[in-house]
Amino acid sequence: MLAKLTSKNQITLPKAAISHVDATDYFDVTVDNGRIVLTPVRVQQAKAVRDKLKQLGITEQDVKDAIAWARR
């Protein structure tokens, strides 16, 4: 199977190749001895939320306090 690299560094993967892996929108990309290796990845929504909260400096205690405040 062939896949063409576009001028914008994009590749469309052949349907025949994709049909052999679980459905996913994301792939981990590594280079191994001059070969590009794509590994299907499932993005965990909860992990993305936790990472964003950490980036914003919001702690678990902040969340607990906000929930307690909202329930009053």
PDB file of N, CA and C in Angstrom:
ATOM      1  N   MET A   1       0.837  -1.182   0.000  1.00  0.00           N
ATOM      2  CA  MET A   1       0.000   0.000   0.000  1.00  0.00           C
ATOM      3  C   MET A   1       0.880   1.242   0.000  1.00  0.00           C
ATOM      4  N   LEU A   2       0.440   2.256  -0.696  1.00  0.00           N
ATOM      5  CA  LEU A   2       1.159   3.520  -0.731  1.00  0.00           C
ATOM      6  C   LEU A   2       0.333   4.616  -0.076  1.00  0.00           C
ATOM      7  N   ALA A   3       1.019   5.548   0.553  1.00  0.00           N
ATOM      8  CA  ALA A   3       0.390   6.751   1.091  1.00  0.00           C
ATOM      9  C   ALA A   3       1.274   7.910   0.666  1.00  0.00           C
ATOM     10  N   LYS A   4       0.656   8.966   0.154  1.00  0.00           N
ATOM     11  CA  LYS A   4       1.409  10.115  -0.356  1.00  0.00           C
ATOM     12  C   LYS A   4       1.511  11.204   0.705  1.00  0.00           C
ATOM     13  N   LEU A   5       2.700  11.744   0.861  1.00  0.00           N
ATOM     14  CA  LEU A   5       2.942  12.872   1.763  1.00  0.00           C
ATOM     15  C   LEU A   5       2.649  14.156   0.999  1.00  0.00           C
ATOM     16  N   THR A   6       1.761  15.003   1.532  1.00  0.00           N
ATOM     17  CA  THR A   6       1.412  16.248   0.855  1.00  0.00           C
ATOM     18  C   THR A   6       2.410  17.348   1.201  1.00  0.00           C
ATOM     19  N   SER A   7       2.274  18.483   0.539  1.00  0.00           N
ATOM     20  CA  SER A   7       3.164  19.623   0.806  1.00  0.00           C
ATOM     21  C   SER A   7       2.983  20.173   2.213  1.00  0.00           C
ATOM     22  N   LYS A   8       1.855  19.808   2.866  1.00  0.00           N
ATOM     23  CA  LYS A   8       1.599  20.259   4.247  1.00  0.00           C
ATOM     24  C   LYS A   8       1.956  19.166   5.261  1.00  0.00           C
ATOM     25  N   ASN A   9       2.767  18.205   4.845  1.00  0.00           N
ATOM     26  CA  ASN A   9       3.189  17.088   5.700  1.00  0.00           C
ATOM     27  C   ASN A   9       2.025  16.265   6.218  1.00  0.00           C
ATOM     28  N   GLN A  10       1.011  16.070   5.407  1.00  0.00           N
ATOM     29  CA  GLN A  10      -0.137  15.250   5.780  1.00  0.00           C
ATOM     30  C   GLN A  10      -0.137  13.969   4.954  1.00  0.00           C
ATOM     31  N   ILE A  11      -0.597  12.894   5.593  1.00  0.00           N
ATOM     32  CA  ILE A  11      -0.696  11.601   4.921  1.00  0.00           C
ATOM     33  C   ILE A  11      -2.103  11.063   5.144  1.00  0.00           C
ATOM     34  N   THR A  12      -2.717  10.591   4.072  1.00  0.00           N
ATOM     35  CA  THR A  12      -3.992   9.883   4.206  1.00  0.00           C
ATOM     36  C   THR A  12      -3.671   8.400   4.234  1.00  0.00           C
ATOM     37  N   LEU A  13      -4.096   7.746   5.315  1.00  0.00           N
ATOM     38  CA  LEU A  13      -3.800   6.326   5.455  1.00  0.00           C
ATOM     39  C   LEU A  13      -4.800   5.501   4.645  1.00  0.00           C
ATOM     40  N   PRO A  14      -4.333   4.479   3.966  1.00  0.00           N
ATOM     41  CA  PRO A  14      -5.231   3.639   3.177  1.00  0.00           C
ATOM     42  C   PRO A  14      -6.288   2.971   4.061  1.00  0.00           C
ATOM     43  N   LYS A  15      -7.517   2.941   3.564  1.00  0.00           N
ATOM     44  CA  LYS A  15      -8.628   2.337   4.295  1.00  0.00           C
ATOM     45  C   LYS A  15      -8.320   0.880   4.654  1.00  0.00           C
ATOM     46  N   ALA A  16      -7.663   0.175   3.747  1.00  0.00           N
ATOM     47  CA  ALA A  16      -7.321  -1.228   4.005  1.00  0.00           C
ATOM     48  C   ALA A  16      -6.414  -1.378   5.219  1.00  0.00           C
ATOM     49  N   ALA A  17      -5.533  -0.417   5.440  1.00  0.00           N
ATOM     50  CA  ALA A  17      -4.640  -0.481   6.603  1.00  0.00           C
ATOM     51  C   ALA A  17      -5.396  -0.146   7.882  1.00  0.00           C
ATOM     52  N   ILE A  18      -6.215   0.890   7.828  1.00  0.00           N
ATOM     53  CA  ILE A  18      -6.962   1.336   9.009  1.00  0.00           C
ATOM     54  C   ILE A  18      -7.987   0.297   9.448  1.00  0.00           C
ATOM     55  N   SER A  19      -8.506  -0.469   8.519  1.00  0.00           N
ATOM     56  CA  SER A  19      -9.529  -1.461   8.869  1.00  0.00           C
ATOM     57  C   SER A  19      -8.989  -2.562   9.785  1.00  0.00           C
ATOM     58  N   HIS A  20      -7.679  -2.646   9.936  1.00  0.00           N
ATOM     59  CA  HIS A  20      -7.072  -3.683  10.774  1.00  0.00           C
ATOM     60  C   HIS A  20      -6.781  -3.221  12.203  1.00  0.00           C
ATOM     61  N   VAL A  21      -7.147  -1.988  12.550  1.00  0.00           N
ATOM     62  CA  VAL A  21      -6.925  -1.485  13.908  1.00  0.00           C
ATOM     63  C   VAL A  21      -8.246  -0.998  14.487  1.00  0.00           C
ATOM     64  N   ASP A  22      -8.315  -0.914  15.821  1.00  0.00           N
ATOM     65  CA  ASP A  22      -9.518  -0.408  16.474  1.00  0.00           C
ATOM     66  C   ASP A  22      -9.769   1.035  16.047  1.00  0.00           C
ATOM     67  N   ALA A  23     -11.031   1.407  16.005  1.00  0.00           N
ATOM     68  CA  ALA A  23     -11.410   2.762  15.599  1.00  0.00           C
ATOM     69  C   ALA A  23     -10.794   3.790  16.550  1.00  0.00           C
ATOM     70  N   THR A  24     -10.140   4.782  15.976  1.00  0.00           N
ATOM     71  CA  THR A  24      -9.519   5.841  16.766  1.00  0.00           C
ATOM     72  C   THR A  24      -9.316   7.066  15.891  1.00  0.00           C
ATOM     73  N   ASP A  25      -9.194   8.208  16.523  1.00  0.00           N
ATOM     74  CA  ASP A  25      -8.901   9.445  15.791  1.00  0.00           C
ATOM     75  C   ASP A  25      -7.458   9.891  15.982  1.00  0.00           C
ATOM     76  N   TYR A  26      -6.761   9.267  16.929  1.00  0.00           N
ATOM     77  CA  TYR A  26      -5.412   9.695  17.266  1.00  0.00           C
ATOM     78  C   TYR A  26      -4.430   8.535  17.202  1.00  0.00           C
ATOM     79  N   PHE A  27      -3.198   8.870  16.825  1.00  0.00           N
ATOM     80  CA  PHE A  27      -2.132   7.884  16.769  1.00  0.00           C
ATOM     81  C   PHE A  27      -0.896   8.464  17.453  1.00  0.00           C
ATOM     82  N   ASP A  28      -0.214   7.643  18.228  1.00  0.00           N
ATOM     83  CA  ASP A  28       1.086   8.008  18.766  1.00  0.00           C
ATOM     84  C   ASP A  28       2.087   7.791  17.636  1.00  0.00           C
ATOM     85  N   VAL A  29       2.949   8.768  17.407  1.00  0.00           N
ATOM     86  CA  VAL A  29       3.911   8.694  16.303  1.00  0.00           C
ATOM     87  C   VAL A  29       5.314   8.571  16.881  1.00  0.00           C
ATOM     88  N   THR A  30       6.018   7.520  16.488  1.00  0.00           N
ATOM     89  CA  THR A  30       7.407   7.338  16.896  1.00  0.00           C
ATOM     90  C   THR A  30       8.235   7.031  15.651  1.00  0.00           C
ATOM     91  N   VAL A  31       9.530   7.204  15.782  1.00  0.00           N
ATOM     92  CA  VAL A  31      10.454   6.870  14.699  1.00  0.00           C
ATOM     93  C   VAL A  31      11.379   5.782  15.222  1.00  0.00           C
ATOM     94  N   ASP A  32      11.466   4.682  14.484  1.00  0.00           N
ATOM     95  CA  ASP A  32      12.271   3.535  14.898  1.00  0.00           C
ATOM     96  C   ASP A  32      13.143   3.106  13.724  1.00  0.00           C
ATOM     97  N   ASN A  33      14.438   3.339  13.830  1.00  0.00           N
ATOM     98  CA  ASN A  33      15.383   2.974  12.767  1.00  0.00           C
ATOM     99  C   ASN A  33      14.946   3.487  11.394  1.00  0.00           C
ATOM    100  N   GLY A  34      14.552   4.755  11.337  1.00  0.00           N
ATOM    101  CA  GLY A  34      14.166   5.359  10.071  1.00  0.00           C
ATOM    102  C   GLY A  34      12.755   5.046   9.614  1.00  0.00           C
ATOM    103  N   ARG A  35      11.987   4.333  10.430  1.00  0.00           N
ATOM    104  CA  ARG A  35      10.596   4.008  10.094  1.00  0.00           C
ATOM    105  C   ARG A  35       9.663   4.826  10.978  1.00  0.00           C
ATOM    106  N   ILE A  36       8.602   5.324  10.389  1.00  0.00           N
ATOM    107  CA  ILE A  36       7.578   6.024  11.151  1.00  0.00           C
ATOM    108  C   ILE A  36       6.563   4.983  11.599  1.00  0.00           C
ATOM    109  N   VAL A  37       6.338   4.914  12.912  1.00  0.00           N
ATOM    110  CA  VAL A  37       5.436   3.917  13.484  1.00  0.00           C
ATOM    111  C   VAL A  37       4.233   4.639  14.081  1.00  0.00           C
ATOM    112  N   LEU A  38       3.038   4.254  13.651  1.00  0.00           N
ATOM    113  CA  LEU A  38       1.801   4.821  14.177  1.00  0.00           C
ATOM    114  C   LEU A  38       1.137   3.795  15.081  1.00  0.00           C
ATOM    115  N   THR A  39       0.811   4.195  16.307  1.00  0.00           N
ATOM    116  CA  THR A  39       0.133   3.319  17.247  1.00  0.00           C
ATOM    117  C   THR A  39      -1.188   3.962  17.640  1.00  0.00           C
ATOM    118  N   PRO A  40      -2.315   3.273  17.434  1.00  0.00           N
ATOM    119  CA  PRO A  40      -3.608   3.854  17.794  1.00  0.00           C
ATOM    120  C   PRO A  40      -3.661   4.188  19.284  1.00  0.00           C
ATOM    121  N   VAL A  41      -4.246   5.354  19.590  1.00  0.00           N
ATOM    122  CA  VAL A  41      -4.354   5.817  20.974  1.00  0.00           C
ATOM    123  C   VAL A  41      -5.785   6.249  21.235  1.00  0.00           C
ATOM    124  N   ARG A  42      -6.304   5.866  22.378  1.00  0.00           N
ATOM    125  CA  ARG A  42      -7.613   6.359  22.806  1.00  0.00           C
ATOM    126  C   ARG A  42      -7.366   7.486  23.798  1.00  0.00           C
ATOM    127  N   VAL A  43      -7.881   8.663  23.488  1.00  0.00           N
ATOM    128  CA  VAL A  43      -7.726   9.809  24.373  1.00  0.00           C
ATOM    129  C   VAL A  43      -8.773   9.693  25.471  1.00  0.00           C
ATOM    130  N   GLN A  44      -8.313   9.732  26.684  1.00  0.00           N
ATOM    131  CA  GLN A  44      -9.206   9.641  27.831  1.00  0.00           C
ATOM    132  C   GLN A  44      -9.718  11.032  28.179  1.00  0.00           C
ATOM    133  N   GLN A  45     -11.023  11.235  28.067  1.00  0.00           N
ATOM    134  CA  GLN A  45     -11.617  12.539  28.352  1.00  0.00           C
ATOM    135  C   GLN A  45     -11.346  12.959  29.796  1.00  0.00           C
ATOM    136  N   ALA A  46     -11.474  12.032  30.743  1.00  0.00           N
ATOM    137  CA  ALA A  46     -11.246  12.373  32.143  1.00  0.00           C
ATOM    138  C   ALA A  46      -9.805  12.837  32.352  1.00  0.00           C
ATOM    139  N   LYS A  47      -8.866  12.184  31.713  1.00  0.00           N
ATOM    140  CA  LYS A  47      -7.466  12.583  31.846  1.00  0.00           C
ATOM    141  C   LYS A  47      -7.259  13.984  31.278  1.00  0.00           C
ATOM    142  N   ALA A  48      -7.911  14.275  30.167  1.00  0.00           N
ATOM    143  CA  ALA A  48      -7.789  15.605  29.565  1.00  0.00           C
ATOM    144  C   ALA A  48      -8.315  16.674  30.518  1.00  0.00           C
ATOM    145  N   VAL A  49      -9.418  16.379  31.199  1.00  0.00           N
ATOM    146  CA  VAL A  49      -9.982  17.329  32.167  1.00  0.00           C
ATOM    147  C   VAL A  49      -9.022  17.506  33.337  1.00  0.00           C
ATOM    148  N   ARG A  50      -8.495  16.403  33.863  1.00  0.00           N
ATOM    149  CA  ARG A  50      -7.551  16.494  34.989  1.00  0.00           C
ATOM    150  C   ARG A  50      -6.314  17.304  34.600  1.00  0.00           C
ATOM    151  N   ASP A  51      -5.799  17.061  33.395  1.00  0.00           N
ATOM    152  CA  ASP A  51      -4.623  17.802  32.931  1.00  0.00           C
ATOM    153  C   ASP A  51      -4.912  19.294  32.817  1.00  0.00           C
ATOM    154  N   LYS A  52      -6.104  19.652  32.331  1.00  0.00           N
ATOM    155  CA  LYS A  52      -6.479  21.065  32.191  1.00  0.00           C
ATOM    156  C   LYS A  52      -6.629  21.711  33.565  1.00  0.00           C
ATOM    157  N   LEU A  53      -7.255  21.008  34.512  1.00  0.00           N
ATOM    158  CA  LEU A  53      -7.387  21.541  35.870  1.00  0.00           C
ATOM    159  C   LEU A  53      -6.015  21.777  36.494  1.00  0.00           C
ATOM    160  N   LYS A  54      -5.102  20.824  36.288  1.00  0.00           N
ATOM    161  CA  LYS A  54      -3.745  20.971  36.816  1.00  0.00           C
ATOM    162  C   LYS A  54      -3.058  22.178  36.183  1.00  0.00           C
ATOM    163  N   GLN A  55      -3.218  22.348  34.877  1.00  0.00           N
ATOM    164  CA  GLN A  55      -2.622  23.475  34.153  1.00  0.00           C
ATOM    165  C   GLN A  55      -3.155  24.803  34.699  1.00  0.00           C
ATOM    166  N   LEU A  56      -4.430  24.827  35.072  1.00  0.00           N
ATOM    167  CA  LEU A  56      -5.046  26.048  35.602  1.00  0.00           C
ATOM    168  C   LEU A  56      -4.766  26.254  37.091  1.00  0.00           C
ATOM    169  N   GLY A  57      -4.137  25.265  37.731  1.00  0.00           N
ATOM    170  CA  GLY A  57      -3.816  25.382  39.147  1.00  0.00           C
ATOM    171  C   GLY A  57      -5.004  25.108  40.055  1.00  0.00           C
ATOM    172  N   ILE A  58      -6.016  24.410  39.545  1.00  0.00           N
ATOM    173  CA  ILE A  58      -7.205  24.076  40.341  1.00  0.00           C
ATOM    174  C   ILE A  58      -6.975  22.727  40.993  1.00  0.00           C
ATOM    175  N   THR A  59      -7.037  22.708  42.328  1.00  0.00           N
ATOM    176  CA  THR A  59      -6.763  21.488  43.081  1.00  0.00           C
ATOM    177  C   THR A  59      -8.039  20.694  43.333  1.00  0.00           C
ATOM    178  N   GLU A  60      -7.864  19.473  43.793  1.00  0.00           N
ATOM    179  CA  GLU A  60      -9.010  18.628  44.151  1.00  0.00           C
ATOM    180  C   GLU A  60      -9.817  19.290  45.260  1.00  0.00           C
ATOM    181  N   GLN A  61      -9.122  19.931  46.184  1.00  0.00           N
ATOM    182  CA  GLN A  61      -9.820  20.619  47.272  1.00  0.00           C
ATOM    183  C   GLN A  61     -10.638  21.797  46.737  1.00  0.00           C
ATOM    184  N   ASP A  62     -10.119  22.512  45.752  1.00  0.00           N
ATOM    185  CA  ASP A  62     -10.878  23.604  45.130  1.00  0.00           C
ATOM    186  C   ASP A  62     -12.194  23.079  44.551  1.00  0.00           C
ATOM    187  N   VAL A  63     -12.142  21.930  43.910  1.00  0.00           N
ATOM    188  CA  VAL A  63     -13.338  21.337  43.315  1.00  0.00           C
ATOM    189  C   VAL A  63     -14.320  20.942  44.415  1.00  0.00           C
ATOM    190  N   LYS A  64     -13.818  20.296  45.480  1.00  0.00           N
ATOM    191  CA  LYS A  64     -14.685  19.912  46.599  1.00  0.00           C
ATOM    192  C   LYS A  64     -15.345  21.135  47.218  1.00  0.00           C
ATOM    193  N   ASP A  65     -14.578  22.199  47.398  1.00  0.00           N
ATOM    194  CA  ASP A  65     -15.126  23.432  47.966  1.00  0.00           C
ATOM    195  C   ASP A  65     -16.202  24.038  47.059  1.00  0.00           C
ATOM    196  N   ALA A  66     -15.984  24.007  45.761  1.00  0.00           N
ATOM    197  CA  ALA A  66     -16.960  24.554  44.818  1.00  0.00           C
ATOM    198  C   ALA A  66     -18.250  23.742  44.829  1.00  0.00           C
ATOM    199  N   ILE A  67     -18.129  22.429  44.926  1.00  0.00           N
ATOM    200  CA  ILE A  67     -19.318  21.574  44.990  1.00  0.00           C
ATOM    201  C   ILE A  67     -20.079  21.836  46.279  1.00  0.00           C
ATOM    202  N   ALA A  68     -19.358  21.927  47.387  1.00  0.00           N
ATOM    203  CA  ALA A  68     -20.022  22.214  48.679  1.00  0.00           C
ATOM    204  C   ALA A  68     -20.724  23.556  48.633  1.00  0.00           C
ATOM    205  N   TRP A  69     -20.100  24.558  48.051  1.00  0.00           N
ATOM    206  CA  TRP A  69     -20.698  25.895  47.927  1.00  0.00           C
ATOM    207  C   TRP A  69     -21.971  25.835  47.078  1.00  0.00           C
ATOM    208  N   ALA A  70     -21.909  25.100  45.962  1.00  0.00           N
ATOM    209  CA  ALA A  70     -23.067  25.012  45.053  1.00  0.00           C
ATOM    210  C   ALA A  70     -24.233  24.260  45.679  1.00  0.00           C
ATOM    211  N   ARG A  71     -23.963  23.360  46.579  1.00  0.00           N
ATOM    212  CA  ARG A  71     -25.018  22.551  47.207  1.00  0.00           C
ATOM    213  C   ARG A  71     -25.695  23.253  48.377  1.00  0.00           C
ATOM    214  N   ARG A  72     -25.181  24.401  48.810  1.00  0.00           N
ATOM    215  CA  ARG A  72     -25.803  25.133  49.926  1.00  0.00           C
ATOM    216  C   ARG A  72     -27.101  25.725  49.528  1.00  0.00           C
TER     217      ARG A  72
END
